[in-house]
N, C-alpha and C. Protein backbone atom coordinates (compact mmCIF):
# COMPACT_ATOMS: atom_id res chain seq x y z
N MET A 1 -10.17 -5.95 -8.28
CA MET A 1 -9.61 -4.62 -8.05
C MET A 1 -9.57 -4.32 -6.55
N TYR A 2 -8.56 -3.63 -6.15
CA TYR A 2 -8.37 -3.32 -4.75
C TYR A 2 -8.11 -1.83 -4.56
N THR A 3 -8.36 -1.35 -3.38
CA THR A 3 -8.00 0.01 -3.01
C THR A 3 -6.82 -0.05 -2.06
N ILE A 4 -5.80 0.74 -2.33
CA ILE A 4 -4.63 0.82 -1.47
C ILE A 4 -4.78 2.03 -0.58
N LYS A 5 -4.66 1.84 0.71
CA LYS A 5 -4.73 2.95 1.65
C LYS A 5 -3.42 3.02 2.43
N VAL A 6 -2.77 4.14 2.34
CA VAL A 6 -1.50 4.33 3.04
C VAL A 6 -1.73 5.23 4.24
N THR A 7 -1.36 4.75 5.41
CA THR A 7 -1.42 5.56 6.61
C THR A 7 0.00 5.93 7.00
N PHE A 8 0.32 7.20 6.93
CA PHE A 8 1.67 7.65 7.21
C PHE A 8 1.83 7.92 8.71
N GLY A 9 2.89 7.39 9.27
CA GLY A 9 3.11 7.52 10.70
C GLY A 9 3.59 8.90 11.12
N ASN A 10 3.93 9.75 10.14
CA ASN A 10 4.43 11.09 10.47
C ASN A 10 3.31 12.13 10.53
N GLY A 11 2.06 11.67 10.56
CA GLY A 11 0.95 12.59 10.71
C GLY A 11 0.51 13.25 9.42
N GLN A 12 1.00 12.80 8.28
CA GLN A 12 0.66 13.40 7.00
C GLN A 12 -0.69 12.95 6.47
N GLY A 13 -1.33 12.00 7.15
CA GLY A 13 -2.64 11.56 6.69
C GLY A 13 -2.58 10.33 5.82
N GLU A 14 -3.56 10.17 4.95
CA GLU A 14 -3.69 8.97 4.15
C GLU A 14 -3.75 9.31 2.66
N VAL A 15 -3.32 8.35 1.85
CA VAL A 15 -3.44 8.45 0.40
C VAL A 15 -4.16 7.21 -0.07
N GLY A 16 -5.17 7.36 -0.90
CA GLY A 16 -5.90 6.22 -1.43
C GLY A 16 -5.65 6.04 -2.91
N TYR A 17 -5.60 4.78 -3.33
CA TYR A 17 -5.44 4.46 -4.75
C TYR A 17 -6.62 3.59 -5.15
N PRO A 18 -7.58 4.13 -5.92
CA PRO A 18 -8.75 3.33 -6.29
C PRO A 18 -8.43 2.33 -7.40
N SER A 19 -9.15 1.24 -7.39
CA SER A 19 -9.09 0.24 -8.47
C SER A 19 -7.65 -0.14 -8.79
N ALA A 20 -6.92 -0.49 -7.77
CA ALA A 20 -5.48 -0.70 -7.94
C ALA A 20 -5.11 -2.17 -8.08
N HIS A 21 -4.10 -2.39 -8.91
CA HIS A 21 -3.37 -3.65 -8.91
C HIS A 21 -2.08 -3.38 -8.14
N TRP A 22 -1.61 -4.36 -7.39
CA TRP A 22 -0.49 -4.08 -6.50
C TRP A 22 0.40 -5.29 -6.34
N GLY A 23 1.63 -5.03 -5.91
CA GLY A 23 2.58 -6.08 -5.61
C GLY A 23 3.57 -5.58 -4.57
N TRP A 24 3.94 -6.44 -3.66
CA TRP A 24 4.88 -6.07 -2.61
C TRP A 24 6.29 -6.47 -3.02
N ASN A 25 7.19 -5.48 -3.07
CA ASN A 25 8.60 -5.74 -3.36
C ASN A 25 9.32 -5.88 -2.03
N ARG A 26 9.50 -7.13 -1.59
CA ARG A 26 10.03 -7.34 -0.24
C ARG A 26 11.48 -6.93 -0.10
N ASN A 27 12.25 -6.99 -1.18
CA ASN A 27 13.66 -6.61 -1.08
C ASN A 27 13.82 -5.11 -0.85
N ALA A 28 12.96 -4.33 -1.50
CA ALA A 28 13.06 -2.87 -1.38
C ALA A 28 12.09 -2.32 -0.34
N GLN A 29 11.29 -3.20 0.28
CA GLN A 29 10.25 -2.76 1.22
C GLN A 29 9.40 -1.66 0.57
N ARG A 30 8.89 -2.02 -0.61
CA ARG A 30 8.18 -1.05 -1.44
C ARG A 30 6.92 -1.71 -1.98
N LEU A 31 5.86 -0.95 -2.02
CA LEU A 31 4.62 -1.42 -2.63
C LEU A 31 4.52 -0.79 -4.02
N ASP A 32 4.47 -1.65 -5.04
CA ASP A 32 4.30 -1.18 -6.41
C ASP A 32 2.82 -1.20 -6.76
N ILE A 33 2.34 -0.10 -7.31
CA ILE A 33 0.91 0.09 -7.54
C ILE A 33 0.66 0.55 -8.97
N VAL A 34 -0.37 0.00 -9.59
CA VAL A 34 -0.91 0.55 -10.83
C VAL A 34 -2.36 0.87 -10.55
N SER A 35 -2.72 2.15 -10.62
CA SER A 35 -4.07 2.60 -10.30
C SER A 35 -4.57 3.51 -11.40
N GLU A 36 -5.62 3.07 -12.06
CA GLU A 36 -6.24 3.86 -13.14
C GLU A 36 -5.19 4.32 -14.15
N GLY A 37 -4.33 3.39 -14.54
CA GLY A 37 -3.34 3.66 -15.57
C GLY A 37 -2.11 4.39 -15.09
N ILE A 38 -2.01 4.69 -13.81
CA ILE A 38 -0.87 5.41 -13.27
C ILE A 38 -0.05 4.46 -12.40
N SER A 39 1.24 4.38 -12.66
CA SER A 39 2.12 3.55 -11.85
C SER A 39 2.71 4.38 -10.73
N ASP A 40 2.83 3.78 -9.57
CA ASP A 40 3.40 4.47 -8.42
C ASP A 40 4.11 3.43 -7.57
N ALA A 41 4.95 3.89 -6.69
CA ALA A 41 5.62 3.00 -5.75
C ALA A 41 5.69 3.73 -4.41
N ILE A 42 5.43 2.99 -3.36
CA ILE A 42 5.46 3.57 -2.03
C ILE A 42 6.58 2.89 -1.25
N HIS A 43 7.55 3.69 -0.85
CA HIS A 43 8.61 3.18 0.02
C HIS A 43 8.17 3.44 1.45
N LEU A 44 8.14 2.40 2.24
CA LEU A 44 7.60 2.53 3.59
C LEU A 44 8.67 2.97 4.59
N ALA A 45 8.36 4.01 5.32
CA ALA A 45 9.18 4.40 6.46
C ALA A 45 8.81 3.50 7.63
N PRO A 46 9.64 3.46 8.67
CA PRO A 46 9.35 2.54 9.79
C PRO A 46 7.98 2.72 10.42
N SER A 47 7.42 3.91 10.38
CA SER A 47 6.14 4.14 11.05
C SER A 47 4.95 4.08 10.10
N ASP A 48 5.17 3.78 8.83
CA ASP A 48 4.09 3.77 7.85
C ASP A 48 3.42 2.40 7.78
N THR A 49 2.16 2.41 7.41
CA THR A 49 1.40 1.18 7.22
C THR A 49 0.64 1.28 5.90
N VAL A 50 0.62 0.20 5.15
CA VAL A 50 -0.17 0.13 3.92
C VAL A 50 -1.21 -0.96 4.09
N SER A 51 -2.46 -0.62 3.83
CA SER A 51 -3.54 -1.60 3.85
C SER A 51 -4.09 -1.76 2.45
N VAL A 52 -4.35 -3.00 2.06
CA VAL A 52 -4.99 -3.29 0.79
C VAL A 52 -6.43 -3.69 1.10
N LEU A 53 -7.38 -2.93 0.54
CA LEU A 53 -8.80 -3.15 0.83
C LEU A 53 -9.50 -3.75 -0.38
N ASN A 54 -10.41 -4.67 -0.13
CA ASN A 54 -11.19 -5.22 -1.24
C ASN A 54 -12.36 -4.30 -1.56
N ALA A 55 -13.20 -4.72 -2.49
CA ALA A 55 -14.30 -3.85 -2.95
C ALA A 55 -15.26 -3.50 -1.83
N ALA A 56 -15.33 -4.36 -0.82
CA ALA A 56 -16.23 -4.10 0.31
C ALA A 56 -15.57 -3.24 1.38
N GLY A 57 -14.33 -2.83 1.14
CA GLY A 57 -13.63 -2.00 2.10
C GLY A 57 -12.98 -2.78 3.24
N GLN A 58 -12.91 -4.09 3.10
CA GLN A 58 -12.30 -4.92 4.12
C GLN A 58 -10.82 -5.13 3.81
N PRO A 59 -9.95 -5.06 4.82
CA PRO A 59 -8.52 -5.25 4.56
C PRO A 59 -8.21 -6.70 4.19
N VAL A 60 -7.45 -6.88 3.13
CA VAL A 60 -7.02 -8.21 2.71
C VAL A 60 -5.52 -8.41 2.93
N ALA A 61 -4.80 -7.32 3.13
CA ALA A 61 -3.37 -7.40 3.41
C ALA A 61 -2.94 -6.10 4.06
N THR A 62 -1.96 -6.19 4.93
CA THR A 62 -1.37 -5.01 5.56
C THR A 62 0.13 -5.18 5.58
N TYR A 63 0.83 -4.12 5.23
CA TYR A 63 2.29 -4.16 5.20
C TYR A 63 2.87 -3.05 6.06
N THR A 64 3.97 -3.36 6.70
CA THR A 64 4.74 -2.35 7.41
C THR A 64 6.16 -2.38 6.89
N HIS A 65 6.98 -1.49 7.37
CA HIS A 65 8.34 -1.31 6.87
C HIS A 65 9.16 -2.60 6.94
N LEU A 66 8.93 -3.41 7.94
CA LEU A 66 9.79 -4.56 8.16
C LEU A 66 9.30 -5.83 7.49
N ASP A 67 8.12 -5.79 6.86
CA ASP A 67 7.61 -7.00 6.23
C ASP A 67 8.50 -7.41 5.07
N LYS A 68 8.77 -8.70 4.98
CA LYS A 68 9.64 -9.21 3.93
C LYS A 68 8.90 -10.04 2.89
N SER A 69 7.63 -10.35 3.17
CA SER A 69 6.87 -11.15 2.22
C SER A 69 5.40 -10.74 2.27
N PRO A 70 4.67 -10.98 1.21
CA PRO A 70 3.26 -10.59 1.20
C PRO A 70 2.43 -11.49 2.11
């Protein structure tokens, strides 16, 4: 299980998704998330960053708007 942390470049702060399963949709530049039974998708703006954290809170992946592959 992973925690998804989204840092928005427009100053809106962060959104966390606990115990998440995730996948990067490189064609749509979108992160698809299933967290505690809820499905969500994050479309990244150019200034946004998504970090995937493991159980210890360490980043295992980071995505930005221009990333094309996980």
